[in-house]
Amino acid sequence: MIEISAAVHQDKIIELLNHYNEDGVQFSFKEKKGINLYFETNLEDLERASKLVSSAIKSQPWGTVLYFRSAPAK
């Protein structure tokens, strides 16, 4: 599971990752706790999945200046 901490644009992050499908890698939104969003993924390497999430968010016009953190959930 991947945890993303972001105070703004949470709806856009959820929409982006729910529709993400590159090289068979997918994410699905599971829950929100405060500013944290949790996503499950079919990728076993959670560090790599976290980096893919960061790249996907930063590639968006609204994501270039967004302060967020993406990491494997603990």
C-alpha atoms as a PDB file:
ATOM      1  CA  MET A   1       0.000   0.000   0.000  1.00  0.00           C
ATOM      2  CA  ILE A   2       1.187   3.525  -0.847  1.00  0.00           C
ATOM      3  CA  GLU A   3       0.588   6.557   1.376  1.00  0.00           C
ATOM      4  CA  ILE A   4       0.414  10.036  -0.133  1.00  0.00           C
ATOM      5  CA  SER A   5       0.345  13.097   2.102  1.00  0.00           C
ATOM      6  CA  ALA A   6      -1.086  16.171   0.402  1.00  0.00           C
ATOM      7  CA  ALA A   7      -3.144  19.001   1.869  1.00  0.00           C
ATOM      8  CA  VAL A   8      -4.636  20.129  -1.468  1.00  0.00           C
ATOM      9  CA  HIS A   9      -5.722  18.585  -4.779  1.00  0.00           C
ATOM     10  CA  GLN A  10      -6.629  15.305  -3.126  1.00  0.00           C
ATOM     11  CA  ASP A  11      -9.535  14.723  -5.519  1.00  0.00           C
ATOM     12  CA  LYS A  12      -7.217  15.230  -8.494  1.00  0.00           C
ATOM     13  CA  ILE A  13      -4.650  12.820  -7.055  1.00  0.00           C
ATOM     14  CA  ILE A  14      -7.326  10.168  -6.495  1.00  0.00           C
ATOM     15  CA  GLU A  15      -8.662  10.595 -10.037  1.00  0.00           C
ATOM     16  CA  LEU A  16      -5.171  10.529 -11.558  1.00  0.00           C
ATOM     17  CA  LEU A  17      -4.056   7.368  -9.777  1.00  0.00           C
ATOM     18  CA  ASN A  18      -7.346   5.495 -10.150  1.00  0.00           C
ATOM     19  CA  HIS A  19      -6.928   5.915 -13.920  1.00  0.00           C
ATOM     20  CA  TYR A  20      -3.165   5.229 -13.969  1.00  0.00           C
ATOM     21  CA  ASN A  21      -2.171   2.229 -16.069  1.00  0.00           C
ATOM     22  CA  GLU A  22       1.350   2.180 -17.461  1.00  0.00           C
ATOM     23  CA  ASP A  23       3.159  -1.070 -18.173  1.00  0.00           C
ATOM     24  CA  GLY A  24       0.362  -2.868 -16.336  1.00  0.00           C
ATOM     25  CA  VAL A  25       0.944  -0.966 -13.079  1.00  0.00           C
ATOM     26  CA  GLN A  26      -2.297   0.172 -11.469  1.00  0.00           C
ATOM     27  CA  PHE A  27      -3.388   1.938  -8.302  1.00  0.00           C
ATOM     28  CA  SER A  28      -6.731   1.912  -6.524  1.00  0.00           C
ATOM     29  CA  PHE A  29      -7.849   4.356  -3.838  1.00  0.00           C
ATOM     30  CA  LYS A  30      -8.652   2.700  -0.513  1.00  0.00           C
ATOM     31  CA  GLU A  31      -9.090   5.374   2.160  1.00  0.00           C
ATOM     32  CA  LYS A  32      -8.393   8.868   3.385  1.00  0.00           C
ATOM     33  CA  LYS A  33      -7.194   9.754   6.897  1.00  0.00           C
ATOM     34  CA  GLY A  34      -6.669  13.474   7.400  1.00  0.00           C
ATOM     35  CA  ILE A  35      -4.270  14.637   4.693  1.00  0.00           C
ATOM     36  CA  ASN A  36      -3.153  11.069   3.939  1.00  0.00           C
ATOM     37  CA  LEU A  37      -4.466   9.098   0.978  1.00  0.00           C
ATOM     38  CA  TYR A  38      -3.929   5.340   0.766  1.00  0.00           C
ATOM     39  CA  PHE A  39      -3.715   3.392  -2.472  1.00  0.00           C
ATOM     40  CA  GLU A  40      -3.237  -0.281  -3.181  1.00  0.00           C
ATOM     41  CA  THR A  41      -1.116  -1.302  -6.160  1.00  0.00           C
ATOM     42  CA  ASN A  42      -0.413  -4.463  -8.088  1.00  0.00           C
ATOM     43  CA  LEU A  43       3.319  -3.657  -8.058  1.00  0.00           C
ATOM     44  CA  GLU A  44       5.227  -5.633  -5.435  1.00  0.00           C
ATOM     45  CA  ASP A  45       8.128  -3.152  -5.224  1.00  0.00           C
ATOM     46  CA  LEU A  46       6.498  -0.415  -3.129  1.00  0.00           C
ATOM     47  CA  GLU A  47       9.518   1.903  -3.375  1.00  0.00           C
ATOM     48  CA  ARG A  48       9.246   1.820  -7.166  1.00  0.00           C
ATOM     49  CA  ALA A  49       5.474   2.310  -6.948  1.00  0.00           C
ATOM     50  CA  SER A  50       6.028   5.355  -4.741  1.00  0.00           C
ATOM     51  CA  LYS A  51       8.418   6.839  -7.312  1.00  0.00           C
ATOM     52  CA  LEU A  52       5.903   6.206 -10.107  1.00  0.00           C
ATOM     53  CA  VAL A  53       3.251   8.023  -8.061  1.00  0.00           C
ATOM     54  CA  SER A  54       5.563  11.013  -7.546  1.00  0.00           C
ATOM     55  CA  SER A  55       6.392  11.169 -11.262  1.00  0.00           C
ATOM     56  CA  ALA A  56       2.737  10.918 -12.261  1.00  0.00           C
ATOM     57  CA  ILE A  57       1.729  13.753  -9.933  1.00  0.00           C
ATOM     58  CA  LYS A  58       4.642  15.979 -10.948  1.00  0.00           C
ATOM     59  CA  SER A  59       3.770  15.487 -14.625  1.00  0.00           C
ATOM     60  CA  GLN A  60       0.435  17.248 -14.110  1.00  0.00           C
ATOM     61  CA  PRO A  61       0.128  21.045 -14.529  1.00  0.00           C
ATOM     62  CA  TRP A  62      -1.242  21.308 -10.982  1.00  0.00           C
ATOM     63  CA  GLY A  63       1.374  18.890  -9.623  1.00  0.00           C
ATOM     64  CA  THR A  64       4.489  20.847 -10.560  1.00  0.00           C
ATOM     65  CA  VAL A  65       4.150  23.149  -7.536  1.00  0.00           C
ATOM     66  CA  LEU A  66       2.298  20.768  -5.221  1.00  0.00           C
ATOM     67  CA  TYR A  67       3.951  19.928  -1.908  1.00  0.00           C
ATOM     68  CA  PHE A  68       3.309  16.235  -1.193  1.00  0.00           C
ATOM     69  CA  ARG A  69       4.985  13.085   0.046  1.00  0.00           C
ATOM     70  CA  SER A  70       4.654   9.608  -1.376  1.00  0.00           C
ATOM     71  CA  ALA A  71       5.980   6.532   0.446  1.00  0.00           C
ATOM     72  CA  PRO A  72       5.145   2.924   1.191  1.00  0.00           C
ATOM     73  CA  ALA A  73       2.518   2.847   3.951  1.00  0.00           C
ATOM     74  CA  LYS A  74       3.662   1.664   7.353  1.00  0.00           C
END
